[in-house]
Amino acid sequence: MVTVPLRELASVRMGLTLRGREATRPDPAGTCWLVQIGDIDDHGGLSDAALLPFTPGVAVKEGHFLKPGDVLVPNRGTRCVAAVFDRPERTVLAGSQFLIVRPEGGRLVPSFLAWYLSSPSATAHLNEFRCGSVVPTLPRGALESLVIPLPSLAKQSAVAALHALAVREQNLRAEISRLRATLVQQQLLSTLTTP
C-alpha cells in the first residue's frame, strides 16, 4: 500500500491564538463560535452541544474559520483523538490548543484521516515527539511528517464507516448497561416498599 507524509496530503496549521481571560469569555451576542478540547469526546466525535459564542479580541482572517472536513487534533496534553469538523456554523474558530488539518487535493477522506490519527500506531508515533514536562505539546512538524497509509477513496470511506459503526456499538452498549443498572436499582427499591 502507498504511504505518504501528511504534509503532501493536507495543510496543517495551529488554531488561533486567543490571549487572556477576556479573549474567550462567553458572549451570547458573540460574532464567532469556539471549539474547545472538551467539545471532542473520547471517540473523536464533536459534541452536538452548543459551541461557546464569543467575540474575539483579535482580528480574524477568513482562513482561520473552520470548514467542513477540517480535522481537529488537540496538540496539548496526552489525549490522542482527532475529530472531523462537520458543524453548520460558519464563523467557528479553534484555539491554539488545536492543530487543524485541512485535506487538499481530494486524496484523503477526512473521517478516515481522523480515525488514523487516533489509531494506536499514529498515537505511538506522535507521542514520541510530544515535549514539555507539565503539559506535553505536539509540534506541528511531527504531525506533518507522519506517514499516512493511502488506500483508495472507497476503502478509506469503508474504514471510516466501519469505525463509526464500532463507536455506535460501544455507545449503545454503554447506554444498555446504564439502563440495566437503573432498572435493577428501581426493582431493588420497589422490593423495599412492598410487603
C-alpha atoms as a PDB file:
ATOM      1  CA  MET A   1       0.000   0.000   0.000  1.00  0.00           C
ATOM      2  CA  VAL A   2       1.154   3.521  -0.745  1.00  0.00           C
ATOM      3  CA  THR A   3       2.153   5.676   2.232  1.00  0.00           C
ATOM      4  CA  VAL A   4       2.552   9.445   2.049  1.00  0.00           C
ATOM      5  CA  PRO A   5       3.665  12.076   4.593  1.00  0.00           C
ATOM      6  CA  LEU A   6       0.692  14.087   5.779  1.00  0.00           C
ATOM      7  CA  ARG A   7       2.256  17.344   4.557  1.00  0.00           C
ATOM      8  CA  GLU A   8       1.771  16.107   0.960  1.00  0.00           C
ATOM      9  CA  LEU A   9      -1.924  15.428   1.513  1.00  0.00           C
ATOM     10  CA  ALA A  10      -3.061  18.292   3.728  1.00  0.00           C
ATOM     11  CA  SER A  11      -2.167  21.651   5.190  1.00  0.00           C
ATOM     12  CA  VAL A  12      -1.531  21.729   8.935  1.00  0.00           C
ATOM     13  CA  ARG A  13      -1.847  24.921  10.954  1.00  0.00           C
ATOM     14  CA  MET A  14      -2.226  25.908  14.546  1.00  0.00           C
ATOM     15  CA  GLY A  15      -5.522  27.266  15.764  1.00  0.00           C
ATOM     16  CA  LEU A  16      -5.950  30.955  16.502  1.00  0.00           C
ATOM     17  CA  THR A  17      -4.037  32.338  19.483  1.00  0.00           C
ATOM     18  CA  LEU A  18      -6.501  33.978  21.854  1.00  0.00           C
ATOM     19  CA  ARG A  19      -4.729  35.597  24.800  1.00  0.00           C
ATOM     20  CA  GLY A  20      -6.140  36.490  28.164  1.00  0.00           C
ATOM     21  CA  ARG A  21      -9.250  35.531  30.072  1.00  0.00           C
ATOM     22  CA  GLU A  22     -11.378  38.068  28.203  1.00  0.00           C
ATOM     23  CA  ALA A  23     -10.468  36.582  24.823  1.00  0.00           C
ATOM     24  CA  THR A  24     -12.720  33.568  25.274  1.00  0.00           C
ATOM     25  CA  ARG A  25     -15.319  34.916  27.678  1.00  0.00           C
ATOM     26  CA  PRO A  26     -18.789  33.655  26.648  1.00  0.00           C
ATOM     27  CA  ASP A  27     -20.818  36.336  24.907  1.00  0.00           C
ATOM     28  CA  PRO A  28     -24.404  35.423  23.919  1.00  0.00           C
ATOM     29  CA  ALA A  29     -24.249  38.133  21.248  1.00  0.00           C
ATOM     30  CA  GLY A  30     -20.822  36.968  20.053  1.00  0.00           C
ATOM     31  CA  THR A  31     -19.835  37.067  16.402  1.00  0.00           C
ATOM     32  CA  CYS A  32     -17.996  33.733  16.470  1.00  0.00           C
ATOM     33  CA  TRP A  33     -18.121  30.256  17.979  1.00  0.00           C
ATOM     34  CA  LEU A  34     -15.210  28.497  19.674  1.00  0.00           C
ATOM     35  CA  VAL A  35     -14.409  24.784  19.600  1.00  0.00           C
ATOM     36  CA  GLN A  36     -12.778  23.726  22.859  1.00  0.00           C
ATOM     37  CA  ILE A  37     -10.966  20.489  23.685  1.00  0.00           C
ATOM     38  CA  GLY A  38     -13.891  19.433  25.879  1.00  0.00           C
ATOM     39  CA  ASP A  39     -16.135  19.539  22.796  1.00  0.00           C
ATOM     40  CA  ILE A  40     -14.390  16.423  21.460  1.00  0.00           C
ATOM     41  CA  ASP A  41     -15.369  13.108  23.024  1.00  0.00           C
ATOM     42  CA  ASP A  42     -13.085  10.118  23.553  1.00  0.00           C
ATOM     43  CA  HIS A  43     -14.174   8.583  20.238  1.00  0.00           C
ATOM     44  CA  GLY A  44     -13.365  11.653  18.144  1.00  0.00           C
ATOM     45  CA  GLY A  45     -16.912  12.922  17.937  1.00  0.00           C
ATOM     46  CA  LEU A  46     -17.607  16.627  18.020  1.00  0.00           C
ATOM     47  CA  SER A  47     -20.239  17.375  20.647  1.00  0.00           C
ATOM     48  CA  ASP A  48     -23.748  18.184  19.485  1.00  0.00           C
ATOM     49  CA  ALA A  49     -23.994  20.717  22.303  1.00  0.00           C
ATOM     50  CA  ALA A  50     -23.843  24.392  21.510  1.00  0.00           C
ATOM     51  CA  LEU A  51     -20.374  25.767  20.934  1.00  0.00           C
ATOM     52  CA  LEU A  52     -19.145  28.699  23.002  1.00  0.00           C
ATOM     53  CA  PRO A  53     -20.313  32.006  21.470  1.00  0.00           C
ATOM     54  CA  PHE A  54     -17.756  34.780  21.886  1.00  0.00           C
ATOM     55  CA  THR A  55     -16.324  37.894  20.290  1.00  0.00           C
ATOM     56  CA  PRO A  56     -12.598  37.516  19.587  1.00  0.00           C
ATOM     57  CA  GLY A  57     -10.392  40.303  20.845  1.00  0.00           C
ATOM     58  CA  VAL A  58      -8.149  39.994  17.777  1.00  0.00           C
ATOM     59  CA  ALA A  59      -8.650  40.427  14.053  1.00  0.00           C
ATOM     60  CA  VAL A  60      -9.686  37.142  12.448  1.00  0.00           C
ATOM     61  CA  LYS A  61      -8.742  36.361   8.861  1.00  0.00           C
ATOM     62  CA  GLU A  62     -11.130  34.333   6.730  1.00  0.00           C
ATOM     63  CA  GLY A  63      -8.639  31.435   6.603  1.00  0.00           C
ATOM     64  CA  HIS A  64      -8.873  30.932  10.366  1.00  0.00           C
ATOM     65  CA  PHE A  65     -12.522  29.879  10.247  1.00  0.00           C
ATOM     66  CA  LEU A  66     -13.075  26.133  10.219  1.00  0.00           C
ATOM     67  CA  LYS A  67     -14.503  24.477   7.118  1.00  0.00           C
ATOM     68  CA  PRO A  68     -16.426  21.200   6.965  1.00  0.00           C
ATOM     69  CA  GLY A  69     -13.894  18.404   6.599  1.00  0.00           C
ATOM     70  CA  ASP A  70     -11.190  20.059   8.702  1.00  0.00           C
ATOM     71  CA  VAL A  71      -9.691  17.615  11.196  1.00  0.00           C
ATOM     72  CA  LEU A  72      -9.020  18.913  14.703  1.00  0.00           C
ATOM     73  CA  VAL A  73      -6.095  17.424  16.617  1.00  0.00           C
ATOM     74  CA  PRO A  74      -5.513  18.517  20.236  1.00  0.00           C
ATOM     75  CA  ASN A  75      -1.855  19.490  20.467  1.00  0.00           C
ATOM     76  CA  ARG A  76      -1.683  19.862  24.250  1.00  0.00           C
ATOM     77  CA  GLY A  77      -1.877  17.125  26.830  1.00  0.00           C
ATOM     78  CA  THR A  78      -1.716  13.389  26.330  1.00  0.00           C
ATOM     79  CA  ARG A  79      -5.119  12.803  24.763  1.00  0.00           C
ATOM     80  CA  CYS A  80      -4.732  11.431  21.232  1.00  0.00           C
ATOM     81  CA  VAL A  81      -8.044  11.778  19.487  1.00  0.00           C
ATOM     82  CA  ALA A  82      -8.903  13.608  16.283  1.00  0.00           C
ATOM     83  CA  ALA A  83     -12.301  14.921  15.206  1.00  0.00           C
ATOM     84  CA  VAL A  84     -13.778  15.989  11.896  1.00  0.00           C
ATOM     85  CA  PHE A  85     -15.403  19.415  11.937  1.00  0.00           C
ATOM     86  CA  ASP A  86     -18.871  18.946  10.471  1.00  0.00           C
ATOM     87  CA  ARG A  87     -20.918  21.667  12.137  1.00  0.00           C
ATOM     88  CA  PRO A  88     -23.138  24.028  10.100  1.00  0.00           C
ATOM     89  CA  GLU A  89     -21.987  27.238  11.811  1.00  0.00           C
ATOM     90  CA  ARG A  90     -19.832  29.372   9.502  1.00  0.00           C
ATOM     91  CA  THR A  91     -17.806  31.514  11.905  1.00  0.00           C
ATOM     92  CA  VAL A  92     -16.262  28.785  14.049  1.00  0.00           C
ATOM     93  CA  LEU A  93     -12.715  29.061  15.352  1.00  0.00           C
ATOM     94  CA  ALA A  94     -10.425  26.615  17.088  1.00  0.00           C
ATOM     95  CA  GLY A  95      -7.927  27.975  19.583  1.00  0.00           C
ATOM     96  CA  SER A  96      -4.201  27.336  19.689  1.00  0.00           C
ATOM     97  CA  GLN A  97      -4.709  24.137  21.694  1.00  0.00           C
ATOM     98  CA  PHE A  98      -5.542  22.511  18.344  1.00  0.00           C
ATOM     99  CA  LEU A  99      -3.672  21.680  15.182  1.00  0.00           C
ATOM    100  CA  ILE A 100      -6.049  21.945  12.235  1.00  0.00           C
ATOM    101  CA  VAL A 101      -5.530  19.577   9.324  1.00  0.00           C
ATOM    102  CA  ARG A 102      -7.239  20.504   6.062  1.00  0.00           C
ATOM    103  CA  PRO A 103      -7.080  17.717   3.440  1.00  0.00           C
ATOM    104  CA  GLU A 104      -6.141  19.008  -0.008  1.00  0.00           C
ATOM    105  CA  GLY A 105      -6.150  17.507  -3.464  1.00  0.00           C
ATOM    106  CA  GLY A 106      -9.061  15.129  -2.896  1.00  0.00           C
ATOM    107  CA  ARG A 107      -6.829  12.183  -1.939  1.00  0.00           C
ATOM    108  CA  LEU A 108      -7.873  11.892   1.695  1.00  0.00           C
ATOM    109  CA  VAL A 109     -11.288  11.266   3.285  1.00  0.00           C
ATOM    110  CA  PRO A 110     -11.448  13.435   6.455  1.00  0.00           C
ATOM    111  CA  SER A 111     -13.159  10.767   8.599  1.00  0.00           C
ATOM    112  CA  PHE A 112     -10.512   8.212   7.571  1.00  0.00           C
ATOM    113  CA  LEU A 113      -7.774  10.680   8.499  1.00  0.00           C
ATOM    114  CA  ALA A 114      -9.361  11.345  11.904  1.00  0.00           C
ATOM    115  CA  TRP A 115      -9.611   7.601  12.519  1.00  0.00           C
ATOM    116  CA  TYR A 116      -5.984   7.032  11.541  1.00  0.00           C
ATOM    117  CA  LEU A 117      -4.681   9.950  13.626  1.00  0.00           C
ATOM    118  CA  SER A 118      -6.480   8.429  16.640  1.00  0.00           C
ATOM    119  CA  SER A 119      -5.167   4.911  15.961  1.00  0.00           C
ATOM    120  CA  PRO A 120      -2.635   3.259  18.280  1.00  0.00           C
ATOM    121  CA  SER A 121       0.131   3.296  15.636  1.00  0.00           C
ATOM    122  CA  ALA A 122      -0.234   7.004  14.873  1.00  0.00           C
ATOM    123  CA  THR A 123      -0.615   7.802  18.576  1.00  0.00           C
ATOM    124  CA  ALA A 124       2.583   5.915  19.442  1.00  0.00           C
ATOM    125  CA  HIS A 125       4.483   7.782  16.722  1.00  0.00           C
ATOM    126  CA  LEU A 126       3.157  11.202  17.718  1.00  0.00           C
ATOM    127  CA  ASN A 127       3.775  10.600  21.426  1.00  0.00           C
ATOM    128  CA  GLU A 128       7.487  10.234  20.667  1.00  0.00           C
ATOM    129  CA  PHE A 129       7.532  13.903  19.646  1.00  0.00           C
ATOM    130  CA  ARG A 130       5.495  15.410  22.478  1.00  0.00           C
ATOM    131  CA  CYS A 131       7.605  17.762  24.542  1.00  0.00           C
ATOM    132  CA  GLY A 132       7.145  19.643  27.795  1.00  0.00           C
ATOM    133  CA  SER A 133       7.093  18.341  31.339  1.00  0.00           C
ATOM    134  CA  VAL A 134       3.907  19.909  32.721  1.00  0.00           C
ATOM    135  CA  VAL A 135       1.659  19.944  29.652  1.00  0.00           C
ATOM    136  CA  PRO A 136       3.076  17.890  26.772  1.00  0.00           C
ATOM    137  CA  THR A 137       2.783  19.652  23.420  1.00  0.00           C
ATOM    138  CA  LEU A 138       2.709  18.107  19.953  1.00  0.00           C
ATOM    139  CA  PRO A 139       4.829  20.083  17.462  1.00  0.00           C
ATOM    140  CA  ARG A 140       3.215  20.797  14.109  1.00  0.00           C
ATOM    141  CA  GLY A 141       6.197  19.301  12.263  1.00  0.00           C
ATOM    142  CA  ALA A 142       5.670  15.938  13.947  1.00  0.00           C
ATOM    143  CA  LEU A 143       2.129  15.789  12.615  1.00  0.00           C
ATOM    144  CA  GLU A 144       3.163  16.981   9.160  1.00  0.00           C
ATOM    145  CA  SER A 145       5.841  14.279   8.912  1.00  0.00           C
ATOM    146  CA  LEU A 146       3.515  11.451   9.987  1.00  0.00           C
ATOM    147  CA  VAL A 147       3.313   8.885   7.199  1.00  0.00           C
ATOM    148  CA  ILE A 148      -0.299   8.095   6.290  1.00  0.00           C
ATOM    149  CA  PRO A 149      -1.421   4.878   4.548  1.00  0.00           C
ATOM    150  CA  LEU A 150      -3.279   5.872   1.410  1.00  0.00           C
ATOM    151  CA  PRO A 151      -5.728   3.237   0.165  1.00  0.00           C
ATOM    152  CA  SER A 152      -8.358   4.118  -2.438  1.00  0.00           C
ATOM    153  CA  LEU A 153     -11.012   6.670  -1.511  1.00  0.00           C
ATOM    154  CA  ALA A 154     -13.607   3.866  -1.474  1.00  0.00           C
ATOM    155  CA  LYS A 155     -11.538   1.870   1.002  1.00  0.00           C
ATOM    156  CA  GLN A 156     -10.934   4.973   3.128  1.00  0.00           C
ATOM    157  CA  SER A 157     -14.688   5.591   3.249  1.00  0.00           C
ATOM    158  CA  ALA A 158     -15.333   1.947   4.160  1.00  0.00           C
ATOM    159  CA  VAL A 159     -12.796   2.043   7.013  1.00  0.00           C
ATOM    160  CA  ALA A 160     -14.316   5.281   8.329  1.00  0.00           C
ATOM    161  CA  ALA A 161     -17.848   3.824   8.118  1.00  0.00           C
ATOM    162  CA  LEU A 162     -16.791   0.665   9.990  1.00  0.00           C
ATOM    163  CA  HIS A 163     -15.150   2.790  12.673  1.00  0.00           C
ATOM    164  CA  ALA A 164     -18.330   4.873  13.032  1.00  0.00           C
ATOM    165  CA  LEU A 165     -20.369   1.674  13.441  1.00  0.00           C
ATOM    166  CA  ALA A 166     -17.953   0.356  16.091  1.00  0.00           C
ATOM    167  CA  VAL A 167     -18.243   3.626  18.021  1.00  0.00           C
ATOM    168  CA  ARG A 168     -22.038   3.485  17.755  1.00  0.00           C
ATOM    169  CA  GLU A 169     -21.980  -0.090  19.085  1.00  0.00           C
ATOM    170  CA  GLN A 170     -19.835   0.985  22.059  1.00  0.00           C
ATOM    171  CA  ASN A 171     -22.207   3.854  22.814  1.00  0.00           C
ATOM    172  CA  LEU A 172     -25.253   1.587  22.586  1.00  0.00           C
ATOM    173  CA  ARG A 173     -23.644  -0.996  24.900  1.00  0.00           C
ATOM    174  CA  ALA A 174     -22.860   1.734  27.425  1.00  0.00           C
ATOM    175  CA  GLU A 175     -26.450   3.016  27.251  1.00  0.00           C
ATOM    176  CA  ILE A 176     -27.849  -0.515  27.681  1.00  0.00           C
ATOM    177  CA  SER A 177     -25.595  -1.011  30.703  1.00  0.00           C
ATOM    178  CA  ARG A 178     -26.737   2.294  32.215  1.00  0.00           C
ATOM    179  CA  LEU A 179     -30.407   1.466  31.648  1.00  0.00           C
ATOM    180  CA  ARG A 180     -29.953  -2.037  33.097  1.00  0.00           C
ATOM    181  CA  ALA A 181     -28.341  -0.596  36.245  1.00  0.00           C
ATOM    182  CA  THR A 182     -31.224   1.886  36.616  1.00  0.00           C
ATOM    183  CA  LEU A 183     -33.784  -0.908  36.216  1.00  0.00           C
ATOM    184  CA  VAL A 184     -32.055  -3.079  38.818  1.00  0.00           C
ATOM    185  CA  GLN A 185     -31.977  -0.152  41.275  1.00  0.00           C
ATOM    186  CA  GLN A 186     -35.669   0.531  40.716  1.00  0.00           C
ATOM    187  CA  GLN A 187     -36.526  -3.132  41.280  1.00  0.00           C
ATOM    188  CA  LEU A 188     -34.435  -3.276  44.456  1.00  0.00           C
ATOM    189  CA  LEU A 189     -36.095  -0.132  45.797  1.00  0.00           C
ATOM    190  CA  SER A 190     -39.539  -1.494  44.975  1.00  0.00           C
ATOM    191  CA  THR A 191     -38.799  -4.676  46.958  1.00  0.00           C
ATOM    192  CA  LEU A 192     -38.178  -2.481  49.991  1.00  0.00           C
ATOM    193  CA  THR A 193     -41.599  -0.858  49.756  1.00  0.00           C
ATOM    194  CA  THR A 194     -43.651  -3.988  49.094  1.00  0.00           C
ATOM    195  CA  PRO A 195     -44.609  -6.281  51.966  1.00  0.00           C
END
